[in-house]
C-alpha cells in the first residue's frame, strides 16, 4: 500500500512510510482524505554541534531515534 500512495501523491522520499490508516474529514464545506505517515530518518550527526550519532544518542525535539 505504501508504494501506491507514494506514487499517487508523487512522494519520492524513501524515509516516509505510510500507515494503513485513512480518515475522511470535512473542512470549510469540503471533504478531504487524510493519510497518516511516519518520517523515519536517523541523522549521522547533530546539526547544531556536529557530534556523531553513535548508538542512536541524538535526541531531536524530545524524541530519541531508535532506528
PDB file of N, CA and C in Angstrom:
ATOM      1  N   UNK A   1       0.822  -1.182   0.000  1.00  0.00           N
ATOM      2  CA  UNK A   1       0.000   0.000   0.000  1.00  0.00           C
ATOM      3  C   UNK A   1       0.874   1.257   0.000  1.00  0.00           C
ATOM      4  N   UNK A   2       1.993   1.203   0.711  1.00  0.00           N
ATOM      5  CA  UNK A   2       2.906   2.339   0.797  1.00  0.00           C
ATOM      6  C   UNK A   2       3.364   2.777  -0.594  1.00  0.00           C
ATOM      7  N   UNK A   3       3.659   1.821  -1.464  1.00  0.00           N
ATOM      8  CA  UNK A   3       4.126   2.120  -2.813  1.00  0.00           C
ATOM      9  C   UNK A   3       3.067   2.885  -3.609  1.00  0.00           C
ATOM     10  N   UNK A   4       1.817   2.433  -3.558  1.00  0.00           N
ATOM     11  CA  UNK A   4       0.754   3.051  -4.341  1.00  0.00           C
ATOM     12  C   UNK A   4       0.430   4.465  -3.847  1.00  0.00           C
ATOM     13  N   UNK A   5       0.412   4.664  -2.541  1.00  0.00           N
ATOM     14  CA  UNK A   5       0.146   6.003  -2.008  1.00  0.00           C
ATOM     15  C   UNK A   5       1.281   6.949  -2.383  1.00  0.00           C
ATOM     16  N   UNK A   6       2.515   6.495  -2.257  1.00  0.00           N
ATOM     17  CA  UNK A   6       3.666   7.330  -2.613  1.00  0.00           C
ATOM     18  C   UNK A   6       3.634   7.729  -4.083  1.00  0.00           C
ATOM     19  N   UNK A   7       3.335   6.786  -4.955  1.00  0.00           N
ATOM     20  CA  UNK A   7       3.274   7.074  -6.386  1.00  0.00           C
ATOM     21  C   UNK A   7       2.111   8.008  -6.722  1.00  0.00           C
ATOM     22  N   UNK A   8       0.953   7.783  -6.105  1.00  0.00           N
ATOM     23  CA  UNK A   8      -0.208   8.619  -6.373  1.00  0.00           C
ATOM     24  C   UNK A   8       0.032  10.063  -5.951  1.00  0.00           C
ATOM     25  N   UNK A   9       0.672  10.249  -4.796  1.00  0.00           N
ATOM     26  CA  UNK A   9       0.938  11.595  -4.286  1.00  0.00           C
ATOM     27  C   UNK A   9       2.265  12.171  -4.780  1.00  0.00           C
ATOM     28  N   UNK A  10       3.001  11.389  -5.579  1.00  0.00           N
ATOM     29  CA  UNK A  10       4.312  11.786  -6.127  1.00  0.00           C
ATOM     30  C   UNK A  10       5.314  12.139  -5.028  1.00  0.00           C
ATOM     31  N   UNK A  11       5.351  11.310  -4.013  1.00  0.00           N
ATOM     32  CA  UNK A  11       6.313  11.466  -2.920  1.00  0.00           C
ATOM     33  C   UNK A  11       7.433  10.463  -3.154  1.00  0.00           C
ATOM     34  N   UNK A  12       8.650  10.968  -3.322  1.00  0.00           N
ATOM     35  CA  UNK A  12       9.780  10.105  -3.658  1.00  0.00           C
ATOM     36  C   UNK A  12      10.732   9.858  -2.488  1.00  0.00           C
ATOM     37  N   UNK A  13      10.461  10.429  -1.333  1.00  0.00           N
ATOM     38  CA  UNK A  13      11.341  10.266  -0.180  1.00  0.00           C
ATOM     39  C   UNK A  13      11.168   8.876   0.418  1.00  0.00           C
ATOM     40  N   UNK A  14      12.230   8.036   0.427  1.00  0.00           N
ATOM     41  CA  UNK A  14      12.100   6.676   0.967  1.00  0.00           C
ATOM     42  C   UNK A  14      11.942   6.644   2.489  1.00  0.00           C
ATOM     43  N   UNK A  15      12.156   7.780   3.166  1.00  0.00           N
ATOM     44  CA  UNK A  15      12.032   7.831   4.622  1.00  0.00           C
ATOM     45  C   UNK A  15      10.594   8.041   5.090  1.00  0.00           C
ATOM     46  N   UNK A  16       9.662   8.283   4.167  1.00  0.00           N
ATOM     47  CA  UNK A  16       8.260   8.466   4.533  1.00  0.00           C
ATOM     48  C   UNK A  16       7.534   7.140   4.350  1.00  0.00           C
ATOM     49  N   UNK A  17       6.998   6.619   5.448  1.00  0.00           N
ATOM     50  CA  UNK A  17       6.302   5.335   5.457  1.00  0.00           C
ATOM     51  C   UNK A  17       4.842   5.593   5.842  1.00  0.00           C
ATOM     52  N   UNK A  18       3.928   5.230   4.955  1.00  0.00           N
ATOM     53  CA  UNK A  18       2.506   5.447   5.201  1.00  0.00           C
ATOM     54  C   UNK A  18       1.931   4.329   6.061  1.00  0.00           C
ATOM     55  N   UNK A  19       1.069   4.738   7.006  1.00  0.00           N
ATOM     56  CA  UNK A  19       0.333   3.773   7.822  1.00  0.00           C
ATOM     57  C   UNK A  19      -0.873   3.306   7.018  1.00  0.00           C
ATOM     58  N   UNK A  20      -1.444   2.199   7.412  1.00  0.00           N
ATOM     59  CA  UNK A  20      -2.667   1.715   6.767  1.00  0.00           C
ATOM     60  C   UNK A  20      -3.867   2.361   7.441  1.00  0.00           C
ATOM     61  N   UNK A  21      -3.862   3.696   7.463  1.00  0.00           N
ATOM     62  CA  UNK A  21      -4.923   4.436   8.125  1.00  0.00           C
ATOM     63  C   UNK A  21      -5.321   5.604   7.228  1.00  0.00           C
ATOM     64  N   UNK A  22      -6.590   5.727   6.965  1.00  0.00           N
ATOM     65  CA  UNK A  22      -7.126   6.794   6.135  1.00  0.00           C
ATOM     66  C   UNK A  22      -8.351   7.363   6.836  1.00  0.00           C
ATOM     67  N   UNK A  23      -8.428   8.679   6.882  1.00  0.00           N
ATOM     68  CA  UNK A  23      -9.565   9.330   7.520  1.00  0.00           C
ATOM     69  C   UNK A  23     -10.118  10.388   6.577  1.00  0.00           C
ATOM     70  N   UNK A  24     -11.427  10.431   6.428  1.00  0.00           N
ATOM     71  CA  UNK A  24     -12.068  11.466   5.631  1.00  0.00           C
ATOM     72  C   UNK A  24     -12.607  12.524   6.580  1.00  0.00           C
ATOM     73  N   UNK A  25     -12.259  13.789   6.303  1.00  0.00           N
ATOM     74  CA  UNK A  25     -12.721  14.884   7.159  1.00  0.00           C
ATOM     75  C   UNK A  25     -13.403  15.933   6.289  1.00  0.00           C
ATOM     76  N   UNK A  26     -14.209  16.743   6.929  1.00  0.00           N
ATOM     77  CA  UNK A  26     -14.824  17.868   6.248  1.00  0.00           C
ATOM     78  C   UNK A  26     -14.283  19.137   6.875  1.00  0.00           C
ATOM     79  N   UNK A  27     -13.799  20.029   6.021  1.00  0.00           N
ATOM     80  CA  UNK A  27     -13.204  21.280   6.484  1.00  0.00           C
ATOM     81  C   UNK A  27     -13.681  22.392   5.566  1.00  0.00           C
ATOM     82  N   UNK A  28     -14.301  23.387   6.126  1.00  0.00           N
ATOM     83  CA  UNK A  28     -14.842  24.533   5.394  1.00  0.00           C
ATOM     84  C   UNK A  28     -15.715  24.094   4.217  1.00  0.00           C
ATOM     85  N   UNK A  29     -16.546  23.114   4.470  1.00  0.00           N
ATOM     86  CA  UNK A  29     -17.505  22.669   3.465  1.00  0.00           C
ATOM     87  C   UNK A  29     -16.952  21.738   2.402  1.00  0.00           C
ATOM     88  N   UNK A  30     -15.673  21.371   2.489  1.00  0.00           N
ATOM     89  CA  UNK A  30     -15.082  20.449   1.513  1.00  0.00           C
ATOM     90  C   UNK A  30     -14.619  19.187   2.219  1.00  0.00           C
ATOM     91  N   UNK A  31     -14.675  18.064   1.501  1.00  0.00           N
ATOM     92  CA  UNK A  31     -14.237  16.780   2.065  1.00  0.00           C
ATOM     93  C   UNK A  31     -12.810  16.488   1.635  1.00  0.00           C
ATOM     94  N   UNK A  32     -12.008  16.008   2.575  1.00  0.00           N
ATOM     95  CA  UNK A  32     -10.607  15.687   2.330  1.00  0.00           C
ATOM     96  C   UNK A  32     -10.292  14.286   2.825  1.00  0.00           C
ATOM     97  N   UNK A  33      -9.308  13.659   2.218  1.00  0.00           N
ATOM     98  CA  UNK A  33      -8.784  12.379   2.694  1.00  0.00           C
ATOM     99  C   UNK A  33      -7.451  12.665   3.392  1.00  0.00           C
ATOM    100  N   UNK A  34      -7.301  12.157   4.602  1.00  0.00           N
ATOM    101  CA  UNK A  34      -6.065  12.347   5.378  1.00  0.00           C
ATOM    102  C   UNK A  34      -5.337  11.013   5.479  1.00  0.00           C
ATOM    103  N   UNK A  35      -4.125  10.973   4.955  1.00  0.00           N
ATOM    104  CA  UNK A  35      -3.279   9.793   5.058  1.00  0.00           C
ATOM    105  C   UNK A  35      -2.329   9.984   6.226  1.00  0.00           C
ATOM    106  N   UNK A  36      -2.083   8.937   6.972  1.00  0.00           N
ATOM    107  CA  UNK A  36      -1.163   9.001   8.099  1.00  0.00           C
ATOM    108  C   UNK A  36       0.165   8.374   7.679  1.00  0.00           C
ATOM    109  N   UNK A  37       1.255   9.016   8.079  1.00  0.00           N
ATOM    110  CA  UNK A  37       2.579   8.540   7.690  1.00  0.00           C
ATOM    111  C   UNK A  37       3.585   8.871   8.786  1.00  0.00           C
ATOM    112  N   UNK A  38       4.734   8.213   8.713  1.00  0.00           N
ATOM    113  CA  UNK A  38       5.841   8.474   9.636  1.00  0.00           C
ATOM    114  C   UNK A  38       7.069   8.826   8.818  1.00  0.00           C
ATOM    115  N   UNK A  39       7.844   9.729   9.344  1.00  0.00           N
ATOM    116  CA  UNK A  39       9.110  10.095   8.721  1.00  0.00           C
ATOM    117  C   UNK A  39      10.212   9.407   9.513  1.00  0.00           C
ATOM    118  N   UNK A  40      10.863   8.425   8.915  1.00  0.00           N
ATOM    119  CA  UNK A  40      11.901   7.652   9.588  1.00  0.00           C
ATOM    120  C   UNK A  40      13.258   8.038   9.018  1.00  0.00           C
ATOM    121  N   UNK A  41      14.026   8.732   9.820  1.00  0.00           N
ATOM    122  CA  UNK A  41      15.350   9.164   9.390  1.00  0.00           C
ATOM    123  C   UNK A  41      16.255   9.194  10.608  1.00  0.00           C
ATOM    124  N   UNK A  42      17.400   8.597  10.498  1.00  0.00           N
ATOM    125  CA  UNK A  42      18.387   8.635  11.562  1.00  0.00           C
ATOM    126  C   UNK A  42      19.535   9.524  11.101  1.00  0.00           C
ATOM    127  N   UNK A  43      19.719  10.669  11.760  1.00  0.00           N
ATOM    128  CA  UNK A  43      20.780  11.585  11.343  1.00  0.00           C
ATOM    129  C   UNK A  43      22.166  11.012  11.645  1.00  0.00           C
ATOM    130  N   UNK A  44      23.143  11.407  10.831  1.00  0.00           N
ATOM    131  CA  UNK A  44      24.520  10.956  11.046  1.00  0.00           C
ATOM    132  C   UNK A  44      25.191  11.724  12.169  1.00  0.00           C
ATOM    133  N   UNK A  45      24.794  12.981  12.351  1.00  0.00           N
ATOM    134  CA  UNK A  45      25.381  13.801  13.404  1.00  0.00           C
ATOM    135  C   UNK A  45      24.384  14.885  13.792  1.00  0.00           C
ATOM    136  N   UNK A  46      24.680  15.555  14.893  1.00  0.00           N
ATOM    137  CA  UNK A  46      23.841  16.657  15.363  1.00  0.00           C
ATOM    138  C   UNK A  46      24.063  17.860  14.452  1.00  0.00           C
ATOM    139  N   UNK A  47      22.967  18.490  14.004  1.00  0.00           N
ATOM    140  CA  UNK A  47      23.084  19.642  13.124  1.00  0.00           C
ATOM    141  C   UNK A  47      23.651  20.857  13.843  1.00  0.00           C
ATOM    142  N   UNK A  48      23.466  20.926  15.156  1.00  0.00           N
ATOM    143  CA  UNK A  48      23.933  22.090  15.914  1.00  0.00           C
ATOM    144  C   UNK A  48      25.394  21.988  16.317  1.00  0.00           C
ATOM    145  N   UNK A  49      25.767  20.856  16.908  1.00  0.00           N
ATOM    146  CA  UNK A  49      27.124  20.751  17.463  1.00  0.00           C
ATOM    147  C   UNK A  49      28.007  19.757  16.717  1.00  0.00           C
ATOM    148  N   UNK A  50      27.527  19.083  15.695  1.00  0.00           N
ATOM    149  CA  UNK A  50      28.246  18.152  14.828  1.00  0.00           C
ATOM    150  C   UNK A  50      28.817  16.954  15.592  1.00  0.00           C
ATOM    151  N   UNK A  51      28.192  16.564  16.696  1.00  0.00           N
ATOM    152  CA  UNK A  51      28.585  15.356  17.413  1.00  0.00           C
ATOM    153  C   UNK A  51      28.042  14.174  16.633  1.00  0.00           C
ATOM    154  N   UNK A  52      28.871  13.150  16.424  1.00  0.00           N
ATOM    155  CA  UNK A  52      28.438  11.972  15.677  1.00  0.00           C
ATOM    156  C   UNK A  52      27.358  11.212  16.431  1.00  0.00           C
ATOM    157  N   UNK A  53      26.460  10.609  15.703  1.00  0.00           N
ATOM    158  CA  UNK A  53      25.354   9.842  16.273  1.00  0.00           C
ATOM    159  C   UNK A  53      25.795   8.396  16.482  1.00  0.00           C
ATOM    160  N   UNK A  54      26.421   8.135  17.607  1.00  0.00           N
ATOM    161  CA  UNK A  54      26.851   6.773  17.946  1.00  0.00           C
ATOM    162  C   UNK A  54      25.806   6.145  18.852  1.00  0.00           C
ATOM    163  N   UNK A  55      25.393   4.951  18.539  1.00  0.00           N
ATOM    164  CA  UNK A  55      24.402   4.198  19.324  1.00  0.00           C
ATOM    165  C   UNK A  55      23.095   4.966  19.481  1.00  0.00           C
ATOM    166  N   UNK A  56      22.703   5.729  18.455  1.00  0.00           N
ATOM    167  CA  UNK A  56      21.440   6.462  18.452  1.00  0.00           C
ATOM    168  C   UNK A  56      21.304   7.388  19.661  1.00  0.00           C
ATOM    169  N   UNK A  57      22.311   8.188  19.921  1.00  0.00           N
ATOM    170  CA  UNK A  57      22.314   9.066  21.086  1.00  0.00           C
ATOM    171  C   UNK A  57      21.729  10.443  20.809  1.00  0.00           C
ATOM    172  N   UNK A  58      21.496  10.784  19.556  1.00  0.00           N
ATOM    173  CA  UNK A  58      20.959  12.101  19.243  1.00  0.00           C
ATOM    174  C   UNK A  58      19.465  12.118  19.526  1.00  0.00           C
ATOM    175  N   UNK A  59      19.034  13.145  20.262  1.00  0.00           N
ATOM    176  CA  UNK A  59      17.625  13.332  20.586  1.00  0.00           C
ATOM    177  C   UNK A  59      17.188  14.632  19.925  1.00  0.00           C
ATOM    178  N   UNK A  60      16.122  14.587  19.135  1.00  0.00           N
ATOM    179  CA  UNK A  60      15.636  15.778  18.453  1.00  0.00           C
ATOM    180  C   UNK A  60      14.194  16.022  18.854  1.00  0.00           C
ATOM    181  N   UNK A  61      13.917  17.207  19.312  1.00  0.00           N
ATOM    182  CA  UNK A  61      12.569  17.617  19.711  1.00  0.00           C
ATOM    183  C   UNK A  61      11.984  16.667  20.757  1.00  0.00           C
ATOM    184  N   UNK A  62      12.804  16.178  21.646  1.00  0.00           N
ATOM    185  CA  UNK A  62      12.327  15.310  22.709  1.00  0.00           C
ATOM    186  C   UNK A  62      12.120  13.867  22.297  1.00  0.00           C
ATOM    187  N   UNK A  63      12.437  13.508  21.060  1.00  0.00           N
ATOM    188  CA  UNK A  63      12.268  12.138  20.608  1.00  0.00           C
ATOM    189  C   UNK A  63      13.625  11.512  20.352  1.00  0.00           C
ATOM    190  N   UNK A  64      13.815  10.305  20.784  1.00  0.00           N
ATOM    191  CA  UNK A  64      15.054   9.595  20.542  1.00  0.00           C
ATOM    192  C   UNK A  64      14.867   8.671  19.351  1.00  0.00           C
ATOM    193  N   UNK A  65      15.749   8.771  18.391  1.00  0.00           N
ATOM    194  CA  UNK A  65      15.670   7.916  17.210  1.00  0.00           C
ATOM    195  C   UNK A  65      16.123   6.506  17.573  1.00  0.00           C
ATOM    196  N   UNK A  66      15.283   5.538  17.313  1.00  0.00           N
ATOM    197  CA  UNK A  66      15.590   4.155  17.681  1.00  0.00           C
ATOM    198  C   UNK A  66      15.908   3.276  16.491  1.00  0.00           C
ATOM    199  N   UNK A  67      16.046   3.856  15.322  1.00  0.00           N
ATOM    200  CA  UNK A  67      16.449   3.141  14.131  1.00  0.00           C
ATOM    201  C   UNK A  67      15.586   2.095  13.658  1.00  0.00           C
TER     202      UNK A  67
END
